[in-house]
Amino acid sequence: MATATPAEPTSPVPDPGTDGLALAVEPPALQRHAVLLRQLRGFCVVAVICTATSMLMYAGLRPLAGTQWANAISLILCSVLNTDLNRRISFDVHERRLWLVDQRRGLWIMLLALAMTSGSLWVLGLVNPHASIKLELAVIVLGNVASAVARFLLLRYWIFRRLRAGHAKY
């Protein structure tokens, strides 16, 4: 009496396009949302890079400029970096065409994060006027995390909507 052997689970196979392993067969849900998942993965990488850069700038500027100015300067400078990295890493836009337009729109998005972090720092100053720089940095990071969802959606559906509309890659 022969028994059927269960099918072997999909095992990882080397994928020459990446430096890691990939599943031989992707589930249909991942196939449908592959672009979104790639964009989210890139966005998270950029977020870590820009948050670390912004925090270092803030910590360096705070003794000279105060909390609000250090926050504003670091966010404005990191906004240019953030938009450029998201163009390349998250949305696969490598040409310089429309770079200035994208940067201008990215600065508008930065105003959301600036409002959230500045407001948070203002409230912290009222509640704890002698807060440590570590607490200020934590408040800024929480404000940036809170605005990250809006940032991604605005990047995807406003700044880089041309990519979703099927226009040529920029």
N, C-alpha and C. Protein backbone atom coordinates (compact mmCIF):
# COMPACT_ATOMS: atom_id res chain seq x y z
N MET A 1 0.84 -1.16 0.00
CA MET A 1 0.00 0.00 0.00
C MET A 1 0.89 1.23 0.00
N ALA A 2 0.77 2.01 -1.03
CA ALA A 2 1.60 3.21 -1.17
C ALA A 2 0.94 4.38 -0.46
N THR A 3 1.75 5.13 0.20
CA THR A 3 1.23 6.32 0.86
C THR A 3 1.77 7.54 0.16
N ALA A 4 0.94 8.52 0.10
CA ALA A 4 1.37 9.77 -0.54
C ALA A 4 2.25 10.53 0.43
N THR A 5 3.31 11.04 -0.08
CA THR A 5 4.19 11.86 0.74
C THR A 5 3.77 13.30 0.60
N PRO A 6 3.76 14.00 1.69
CA PRO A 6 3.36 15.41 1.59
C PRO A 6 4.38 16.20 0.76
N ALA A 7 3.87 17.21 0.08
CA ALA A 7 4.76 18.07 -0.71
C ALA A 7 5.74 18.77 0.22
N GLU A 8 6.95 18.90 -0.27
CA GLU A 8 7.95 19.59 0.54
C GLU A 8 7.64 21.07 0.57
N PRO A 9 7.88 21.68 1.71
CA PRO A 9 7.64 23.14 1.77
C PRO A 9 8.61 23.86 0.85
N THR A 10 8.19 25.03 0.43
CA THR A 10 9.05 25.83 -0.41
C THR A 10 10.31 26.17 0.37
N SER A 11 11.44 25.88 -0.20
CA SER A 11 12.69 26.14 0.50
C SER A 11 13.39 27.32 -0.14
N PRO A 12 14.19 28.00 0.64
CA PRO A 12 14.92 29.15 0.10
C PRO A 12 15.92 28.71 -0.95
N VAL A 13 16.00 29.49 -2.01
CA VAL A 13 16.99 29.24 -3.05
C VAL A 13 17.75 30.54 -3.27
N PRO A 14 18.99 30.44 -3.66
CA PRO A 14 19.74 31.68 -3.90
C PRO A 14 19.11 32.47 -5.03
N ASP A 15 19.02 33.75 -4.87
CA ASP A 15 18.50 34.65 -5.89
C ASP A 15 19.66 35.53 -6.33
N PRO A 16 20.09 35.39 -7.60
CA PRO A 16 21.26 36.16 -8.03
C PRO A 16 21.05 37.66 -8.00
N GLY A 17 19.79 38.13 -7.99
CA GLY A 17 19.53 39.57 -7.94
C GLY A 17 19.71 40.16 -6.56
N THR A 18 19.77 39.32 -5.56
CA THR A 18 19.97 39.82 -4.20
C THR A 18 21.13 39.10 -3.58
N ASP A 19 21.58 39.58 -2.46
CA ASP A 19 22.69 38.93 -1.78
C ASP A 19 22.19 37.97 -0.70
N GLY A 20 20.92 37.63 -0.75
CA GLY A 20 20.37 36.74 0.27
C GLY A 20 19.62 35.61 -0.36
N LEU A 21 18.72 35.06 0.39
CA LEU A 21 17.91 33.97 -0.08
C LEU A 21 16.50 34.50 -0.34
N ALA A 22 15.84 33.91 -1.31
CA ALA A 22 14.47 34.29 -1.61
C ALA A 22 13.66 33.01 -1.74
N LEU A 23 12.37 33.11 -1.48
CA LEU A 23 11.52 31.95 -1.64
C LEU A 23 11.36 31.65 -3.12
N ALA A 24 11.33 30.36 -3.46
CA ALA A 24 11.20 29.96 -4.85
C ALA A 24 9.87 30.44 -5.41
N VAL A 25 8.81 30.40 -4.61
CA VAL A 25 7.49 30.83 -5.04
C VAL A 25 6.96 31.81 -4.00
N GLU A 26 6.65 33.02 -4.45
CA GLU A 26 6.12 34.01 -3.53
C GLU A 26 4.62 33.81 -3.38
N PRO A 27 4.09 34.01 -2.19
CA PRO A 27 2.64 33.93 -2.02
C PRO A 27 1.96 35.00 -2.87
N PRO A 28 0.73 34.73 -3.34
CA PRO A 28 0.03 35.71 -4.20
C PRO A 28 -0.11 37.09 -3.57
N ALA A 29 -0.31 37.16 -2.26
CA ALA A 29 -0.45 38.47 -1.61
C ALA A 29 0.82 39.28 -1.77
N LEU A 30 1.98 38.64 -1.67
CA LEU A 30 3.25 39.36 -1.84
C LEU A 30 3.45 39.76 -3.30
N GLN A 31 3.02 38.94 -4.23
CA GLN A 31 3.15 39.29 -5.65
C GLN A 31 2.33 40.52 -5.99
N ARG A 32 1.11 40.60 -5.41
CA ARG A 32 0.23 41.74 -5.68
C ARG A 32 0.79 43.03 -5.12
N HIS A 33 1.47 42.95 -4.00
CA HIS A 33 1.92 44.16 -3.32
C HIS A 33 3.44 44.29 -3.31
N ALA A 34 4.09 43.70 -4.27
CA ALA A 34 5.56 43.71 -4.29
C ALA A 34 6.11 45.13 -4.35
N VAL A 35 5.52 45.99 -5.15
CA VAL A 35 6.00 47.37 -5.27
C VAL A 35 5.82 48.11 -3.95
N LEU A 36 4.65 47.97 -3.35
CA LEU A 36 4.40 48.63 -2.07
C LEU A 36 5.37 48.13 -1.00
N LEU A 37 5.60 46.83 -0.94
CA LEU A 37 6.52 46.28 0.06
C LEU A 37 7.94 46.78 -0.17
N ARG A 38 8.36 46.87 -1.43
CA ARG A 38 9.70 47.39 -1.74
C ARG A 38 9.80 48.86 -1.32
N GLN A 39 8.74 49.63 -1.58
CA GLN A 39 8.74 51.04 -1.19
C GLN A 39 8.77 51.19 0.32
N LEU A 40 8.00 50.39 1.03
CA LEU A 40 8.00 50.45 2.50
C LEU A 40 9.34 50.06 3.08
N ARG A 41 9.96 49.04 2.51
CA ARG A 41 11.29 48.62 2.98
C ARG A 41 12.30 49.74 2.78
N GLY A 42 12.29 50.35 1.60
CA GLY A 42 13.19 51.48 1.33
C GLY A 42 12.90 52.66 2.24
N PHE A 43 11.62 52.94 2.46
CA PHE A 43 11.23 54.05 3.33
C PHE A 43 11.76 53.84 4.74
N CYS A 44 11.69 52.61 5.24
CA CYS A 44 12.18 52.33 6.59
C CYS A 44 13.70 52.51 6.68
N VAL A 45 14.42 52.09 5.64
CA VAL A 45 15.87 52.27 5.62
C VAL A 45 16.20 53.76 5.64
N VAL A 46 15.52 54.52 4.80
CA VAL A 46 15.75 55.97 4.73
C VAL A 46 15.38 56.63 6.06
N ALA A 47 14.31 56.18 6.68
CA ALA A 47 13.88 56.75 7.96
C ALA A 47 14.94 56.57 9.04
N VAL A 48 15.55 55.40 9.08
CA VAL A 48 16.59 55.15 10.08
C VAL A 48 17.80 56.06 9.82
N ILE A 49 18.22 56.15 8.57
CA ILE A 49 19.37 56.99 8.20
C ILE A 49 19.10 58.46 8.55
N CYS A 50 17.94 58.95 8.15
CA CYS A 50 17.62 60.37 8.36
C CYS A 50 17.36 60.69 9.83
N THR A 51 16.75 59.77 10.56
CA THR A 51 16.52 60.01 11.99
C THR A 51 17.84 60.10 12.73
N ALA A 52 18.75 59.18 12.44
CA ALA A 52 20.07 59.21 13.09
C ALA A 52 20.81 60.50 12.74
N THR A 53 20.77 60.89 11.48
CA THR A 53 21.44 62.11 11.04
C THR A 53 20.82 63.34 11.71
N SER A 54 19.50 63.38 11.75
CA SER A 54 18.81 64.51 12.38
C SER A 54 19.12 64.60 13.87
N MET A 55 19.17 63.47 14.53
CA MET A 55 19.45 63.47 15.98
C MET A 55 20.88 63.96 16.26
N LEU A 56 21.81 63.55 15.44
CA LEU A 56 23.19 64.02 15.60
C LEU A 56 23.28 65.53 15.38
N MET A 57 22.60 66.02 14.34
CA MET A 57 22.60 67.46 14.08
C MET A 57 21.94 68.21 15.23
N TYR A 58 20.81 67.70 15.70
CA TYR A 58 20.10 68.35 16.80
C TYR A 58 20.99 68.42 18.03
N ALA A 59 21.61 67.32 18.37
CA ALA A 59 22.46 67.29 19.57
C ALA A 59 23.62 68.28 19.44
N GLY A 60 24.15 68.44 18.23
CA GLY A 60 25.24 69.39 18.02
C GLY A 60 24.78 70.84 18.01
N LEU A 61 23.60 71.10 17.49
CA LEU A 61 23.10 72.47 17.37
C LEU A 61 22.40 72.98 18.63
N ARG A 62 21.84 72.09 19.43
CA ARG A 62 21.05 72.49 20.58
C ARG A 62 21.77 73.43 21.54
N PRO A 63 23.02 73.17 21.92
CA PRO A 63 23.68 74.09 22.85
C PRO A 63 23.86 75.50 22.28
N LEU A 64 23.98 75.60 20.97
CA LEU A 64 24.19 76.90 20.33
C LEU A 64 22.90 77.61 19.95
N ALA A 65 21.92 76.84 19.48
CA ALA A 65 20.73 77.45 18.91
C ALA A 65 19.46 77.28 19.74
N GLY A 66 19.48 76.42 20.74
CA GLY A 66 18.27 76.16 21.51
C GLY A 66 17.46 75.04 20.89
N THR A 67 16.45 74.60 21.62
CA THR A 67 15.70 73.42 21.18
C THR A 67 14.94 73.63 19.87
N GLN A 68 14.18 74.71 19.77
CA GLN A 68 13.34 74.90 18.58
C GLN A 68 14.15 75.15 17.32
N TRP A 69 15.17 75.99 17.41
CA TRP A 69 15.99 76.27 16.23
C TRP A 69 16.80 75.04 15.83
N ALA A 70 17.35 74.32 16.79
CA ALA A 70 18.11 73.11 16.47
C ALA A 70 17.20 72.08 15.79
N ASN A 71 15.98 71.97 16.28
CA ASN A 71 15.01 71.05 15.67
C ASN A 71 14.69 71.47 14.25
N ALA A 72 14.39 72.75 14.05
CA ALA A 72 14.03 73.24 12.72
C ALA A 72 15.17 73.08 11.73
N ILE A 73 16.37 73.47 12.12
CA ILE A 73 17.53 73.37 11.21
C ILE A 73 17.80 71.92 10.85
N SER A 74 17.80 71.04 11.83
CA SER A 74 18.11 69.64 11.53
C SER A 74 17.02 69.00 10.66
N LEU A 75 15.76 69.36 10.90
CA LEU A 75 14.69 68.79 10.07
C LEU A 75 14.74 69.33 8.64
N ILE A 76 15.01 70.60 8.47
CA ILE A 76 15.07 71.17 7.12
C ILE A 76 16.21 70.54 6.33
N LEU A 77 17.38 70.45 6.94
CA LEU A 77 18.52 69.86 6.24
C LEU A 77 18.29 68.38 5.95
N CYS A 78 17.71 67.67 6.89
CA CYS A 78 17.46 66.24 6.68
C CYS A 78 16.32 66.00 5.70
N SER A 79 15.45 66.98 5.52
CA SER A 79 14.36 66.83 4.56
C SER A 79 14.90 66.69 3.14
N VAL A 80 15.92 67.46 2.81
CA VAL A 80 16.54 67.36 1.49
C VAL A 80 17.16 65.97 1.32
N LEU A 81 17.88 65.52 2.32
CA LEU A 81 18.46 64.17 2.29
C LEU A 81 17.36 63.12 2.20
N ASN A 82 16.32 63.26 3.00
CA ASN A 82 15.24 62.29 3.04
C ASN A 82 14.55 62.17 1.68
N THR A 83 14.21 63.29 1.08
CA THR A 83 13.53 63.25 -0.21
C THR A 83 14.43 62.65 -1.28
N ASP A 84 15.70 63.01 -1.28
CA ASP A 84 16.61 62.46 -2.27
C ASP A 84 16.80 60.95 -2.09
N LEU A 85 16.99 60.50 -0.86
CA LEU A 85 17.15 59.07 -0.63
C LEU A 85 15.86 58.31 -0.95
N ASN A 86 14.72 58.87 -0.60
CA ASN A 86 13.46 58.20 -0.94
C ASN A 86 13.24 58.15 -2.45
N ARG A 87 13.66 59.17 -3.16
CA ARG A 87 13.57 59.13 -4.62
C ARG A 87 14.31 57.90 -5.15
N ARG A 88 15.53 57.72 -4.67
CA ARG A 88 16.37 56.65 -5.20
C ARG A 88 16.07 55.28 -4.61
N ILE A 89 15.94 55.21 -3.29
CA ILE A 89 15.82 53.90 -2.64
C ILE A 89 14.38 53.40 -2.63
N SER A 90 13.45 54.24 -2.23
CA SER A 90 12.06 53.79 -2.08
C SER A 90 11.29 53.78 -3.40
N PHE A 91 11.52 54.78 -4.24
CA PHE A 91 10.70 54.94 -5.44
C PHE A 91 11.48 54.74 -6.74
N ASP A 92 12.73 54.37 -6.65
CA ASP A 92 13.55 53.98 -7.81
C ASP A 92 13.61 55.08 -8.89
N VAL A 93 13.73 56.33 -8.45
CA VAL A 93 13.86 57.46 -9.36
C VAL A 93 15.32 57.90 -9.30
N HIS A 94 16.03 57.75 -10.42
CA HIS A 94 17.46 58.01 -10.41
C HIS A 94 17.89 59.22 -11.24
N GLU A 95 17.06 59.63 -12.15
CA GLU A 95 17.42 60.78 -12.99
C GLU A 95 17.15 62.08 -12.25
N ARG A 96 17.81 63.14 -12.66
CA ARG A 96 17.70 64.44 -11.99
C ARG A 96 16.46 65.22 -12.43
N ARG A 97 15.80 64.74 -13.46
CA ARG A 97 14.61 65.42 -13.94
C ARG A 97 13.59 65.50 -12.81
N LEU A 98 13.01 66.65 -12.59
CA LEU A 98 12.02 66.93 -11.57
C LEU A 98 12.57 66.88 -10.14
N TRP A 99 13.90 66.86 -10.00
CA TRP A 99 14.51 66.81 -8.67
C TRP A 99 14.09 68.01 -7.83
N LEU A 100 14.15 69.20 -8.41
CA LEU A 100 13.80 70.42 -7.68
C LEU A 100 12.33 70.43 -7.29
N VAL A 101 11.46 69.97 -8.18
CA VAL A 101 10.02 69.90 -7.88
C VAL A 101 9.81 68.94 -6.71
N ASP A 102 10.46 67.78 -6.76
CA ASP A 102 10.32 66.80 -5.68
C ASP A 102 10.84 67.36 -4.36
N GLN A 103 11.95 68.08 -4.41
CA GLN A 103 12.51 68.66 -3.18
C GLN A 103 11.58 69.72 -2.59
N ARG A 104 11.00 70.54 -3.45
CA ARG A 104 10.08 71.57 -2.97
C ARG A 104 8.87 70.92 -2.29
N ARG A 105 8.35 69.88 -2.88
CA ARG A 105 7.22 69.17 -2.28
C ARG A 105 7.65 68.46 -0.99
N GLY A 106 8.86 67.92 -0.98
CA GLY A 106 9.38 67.28 0.23
C GLY A 106 9.49 68.25 1.39
N LEU A 107 9.83 69.51 1.09
CA LEU A 107 9.89 70.52 2.15
C LEU A 107 8.51 70.81 2.71
N TRP A 108 7.48 70.75 1.87
CA TRP A 108 6.11 70.92 2.38
C TRP A 108 5.76 69.79 3.34
N ILE A 109 6.17 68.58 2.98
CA ILE A 109 5.90 67.44 3.86
C ILE A 109 6.66 67.60 5.18
N MET A 110 7.88 68.12 5.10
CA MET A 110 8.69 68.32 6.30
C MET A 110 7.98 69.25 7.28
N LEU A 111 7.17 70.18 6.79
CA LEU A 111 6.45 71.08 7.68
C LEU A 111 5.54 70.32 8.64
N LEU A 112 5.00 69.20 8.20
CA LEU A 112 4.18 68.37 9.08
C LEU A 112 5.02 67.84 10.24
N ALA A 113 6.17 67.27 9.93
CA ALA A 113 7.06 66.76 10.98
C ALA A 113 7.54 67.90 11.87
N LEU A 114 7.85 69.04 11.29
CA LEU A 114 8.30 70.19 12.08
C LEU A 114 7.21 70.65 13.05
N ALA A 115 5.98 70.69 12.57
CA ALA A 115 4.88 71.09 13.45
C ALA A 115 4.71 70.10 14.60
N MET A 116 4.81 68.82 14.29
CA MET A 116 4.63 67.81 15.33
C MET A 116 5.78 67.82 16.34
N THR A 117 7.00 67.91 15.86
CA THR A 117 8.14 67.88 16.79
C THR A 117 8.26 69.19 17.55
N SER A 118 8.04 70.32 16.88
CA SER A 118 8.11 71.61 17.58
C SER A 118 7.02 71.71 18.64
N GLY A 119 5.83 71.27 18.28
CA GLY A 119 4.74 71.28 19.26
C GLY A 119 5.04 70.38 20.44
N SER A 120 5.62 69.21 20.16
CA SER A 120 5.97 68.28 21.23
C SER A 120 7.05 68.87 22.13
N LEU A 121 8.05 69.52 21.53
CA LEU A 121 9.10 70.15 22.33
C LEU A 121 8.55 71.31 23.16
N TRP A 122 7.62 72.04 22.60
CA TRP A 122 6.99 73.15 23.32
C TRP A 122 6.25 72.62 24.55
N VAL A 123 5.46 71.55 24.36
CA VAL A 123 4.73 70.95 25.48
C VAL A 123 5.71 70.41 26.51
N LEU A 124 6.78 69.75 26.06
CA LEU A 124 7.79 69.24 26.98
C LEU A 124 8.39 70.39 27.80
N GLY A 125 8.65 71.52 27.15
CA GLY A 125 9.20 72.68 27.85
C GLY A 125 8.26 73.22 28.92
N LEU A 126 6.96 73.11 28.67
CA LEU A 126 5.97 73.54 29.67
C LEU A 126 5.91 72.57 30.85
N VAL A 127 5.94 71.29 30.51
CA VAL A 127 5.81 70.26 31.55
C VAL A 127 7.10 70.08 32.33
N ASN A 128 8.23 70.13 31.61
CA ASN A 128 9.53 69.88 32.24
C ASN A 128 10.54 70.87 31.64
N PRO A 129 10.62 72.07 32.19
CA PRO A 129 11.50 73.10 31.61
C PRO A 129 12.98 72.74 31.61
N HIS A 130 13.39 71.81 32.44
CA HIS A 130 14.80 71.43 32.51
C HIS A 130 15.01 70.00 32.02
N ALA A 131 14.28 69.63 30.97
CA ALA A 131 14.38 68.28 30.42
C ALA A 131 15.78 68.03 29.88
N SER A 132 16.23 66.81 30.00
CA SER A 132 17.55 66.44 29.47
C SER A 132 17.49 66.35 27.96
N ILE A 133 18.64 66.40 27.33
CA ILE A 133 18.70 66.28 25.88
C ILE A 133 18.21 64.90 25.44
N LYS A 134 18.43 63.88 26.28
CA LYS A 134 17.93 62.53 25.94
C LYS A 134 16.41 62.52 25.86
N LEU A 135 15.76 63.19 26.79
CA LEU A 135 14.30 63.26 26.76
C LEU A 135 13.83 64.06 25.56
N GLU A 136 14.51 65.16 25.24
CA GLU A 136 14.17 65.94 24.06
C GLU A 136 14.30 65.11 22.79
N LEU A 137 15.39 64.35 22.69
CA LEU A 137 15.59 63.49 21.52
C LEU A 137 14.49 62.44 21.42
N ALA A 138 14.10 61.87 22.56
CA ALA A 138 13.01 60.88 22.55
C ALA A 138 11.71 61.51 22.06
N VAL A 139 11.43 62.72 22.50
CA VAL A 139 10.21 63.42 22.07
C VAL A 139 10.27 63.69 20.56
N ILE A 140 11.42 64.09 20.06
CA ILE A 140 11.57 64.35 18.63
C ILE A 140 11.38 63.06 17.83
N VAL A 141 11.98 61.99 18.28
CA VAL A 141 11.84 60.71 17.58
C VAL A 141 10.37 60.29 17.56
N LEU A 142 9.67 60.41 18.68
CA LEU A 142 8.25 60.05 18.72
C LEU A 142 7.43 60.92 17.77
N GLY A 143 7.75 62.21 17.70
CA GLY A 143 7.07 63.09 16.76
C GLY A 143 7.34 62.70 15.32
N ASN A 144 8.57 62.33 15.03
CA ASN A 144 8.92 61.89 13.67
C ASN A 144 8.24 60.58 13.32
N VAL A 145 8.18 59.65 14.26
CA VAL A 145 7.50 58.38 14.01
C VAL A 145 6.02 58.63 13.74
N ALA A 146 5.43 59.52 14.51
CA ALA A 146 4.01 59.84 14.32
C ALA A 146 3.75 60.44 12.94
N SER A 147 4.68 61.23 12.44
CA SER A 147 4.47 61.85 11.12
C SER A 147 4.95 60.97 9.97
N ALA A 148 5.60 59.85 10.26
CA ALA A 148 6.15 58.99 9.21
C ALA A 148 5.08 58.39 8.31
N VAL A 149 3.96 57.99 8.88
CA VAL A 149 2.90 57.40 8.06
C VAL A 149 2.39 58.44 7.06
N ALA A 150 2.14 59.64 7.53
CA ALA A 150 1.69 60.70 6.63
C ALA A 150 2.76 61.00 5.59
N ARG A 151 4.02 61.00 5.99
CA ARG A 151 5.11 61.27 5.05
C ARG A 151 5.13 60.23 3.93
N PHE A 152 5.03 58.95 4.30
CA PHE A 152 5.05 57.90 3.27
C PHE A 152 3.87 58.04 2.33
N LEU A 153 2.69 58.26 2.88
CA LEU A 153 1.51 58.39 2.02
C LEU A 153 1.61 59.60 1.11
N LEU A 154 2.12 60.71 1.62
CA LEU A 154 2.29 61.90 0.77
C LEU A 154 3.37 61.69 -0.29
N LEU A 155 4.44 61.02 0.06
CA LEU A 155 5.46 60.71 -0.95
C LEU A 155 4.88 59.83 -2.04
N ARG A 156 4.19 58.78 -1.63
CA ARG A 156 3.66 57.80 -2.58
C ARG A 156 2.54 58.37 -3.45
N TYR A 157 1.60 59.10 -2.85
CA TYR A 157 0.41 59.51 -3.59
C TYR A 157 0.42 60.96 -4.07
N TRP A 158 1.41 61.75 -3.65
CA TRP A 158 1.49 63.13 -4.12
C TRP A 158 2.77 63.34 -4.92
N ILE A 159 3.90 63.19 -4.28
CA ILE A 159 5.16 63.51 -4.96
C ILE A 159 5.45 62.52 -6.08
N PHE A 160 5.30 61.24 -5.83
CA PHE A 160 5.68 60.24 -6.84
C PHE A 160 4.46 59.57 -7.46
N ARG A 161 3.34 60.27 -7.51
CA ARG A 161 2.14 59.70 -8.14
C ARG A 161 2.36 59.45 -9.62
N ARG A 162 3.26 60.19 -10.22
CA ARG A 162 3.53 60.01 -11.65
C ARG A 162 4.03 58.60 -11.93
N LEU A 163 4.68 57.98 -10.97
CA LEU A 163 5.17 56.62 -11.17
C LEU A 163 4.01 55.63 -11.17
N ARG A 164 3.00 55.88 -10.37
CA ARG A 164 1.84 54.99 -10.29
C ARG A 164 0.97 55.17 -11.51
N ALA A 165 1.01 56.32 -12.15
CA ALA A 165 0.17 56.58 -13.31
C ALA A 165 0.75 55.96 -14.58
N GLY A 166 1.90 55.29 -14.46
CA GLY A 166 2.48 54.61 -15.60
C GLY A 166 3.37 55.47 -16.47
N HIS A 167 3.73 56.65 -15.98
CA HIS A 167 4.63 57.49 -16.75
C HIS A 167 6.02 56.85 -16.77
N ALA A 168 6.81 57.25 -17.68
CA ALA A 168 8.18 56.71 -17.78
C ALA A 168 8.94 56.95 -16.50
N LYS A 169 9.86 56.05 -16.22
CA LYS A 169 10.67 56.16 -15.00
C LYS A 169 11.55 57.39 -15.11
N TYR A 170 11.64 58.15 -14.02
CA TYR A 170 12.43 59.40 -14.02
C TYR A 170 13.76 59.15 -13.41
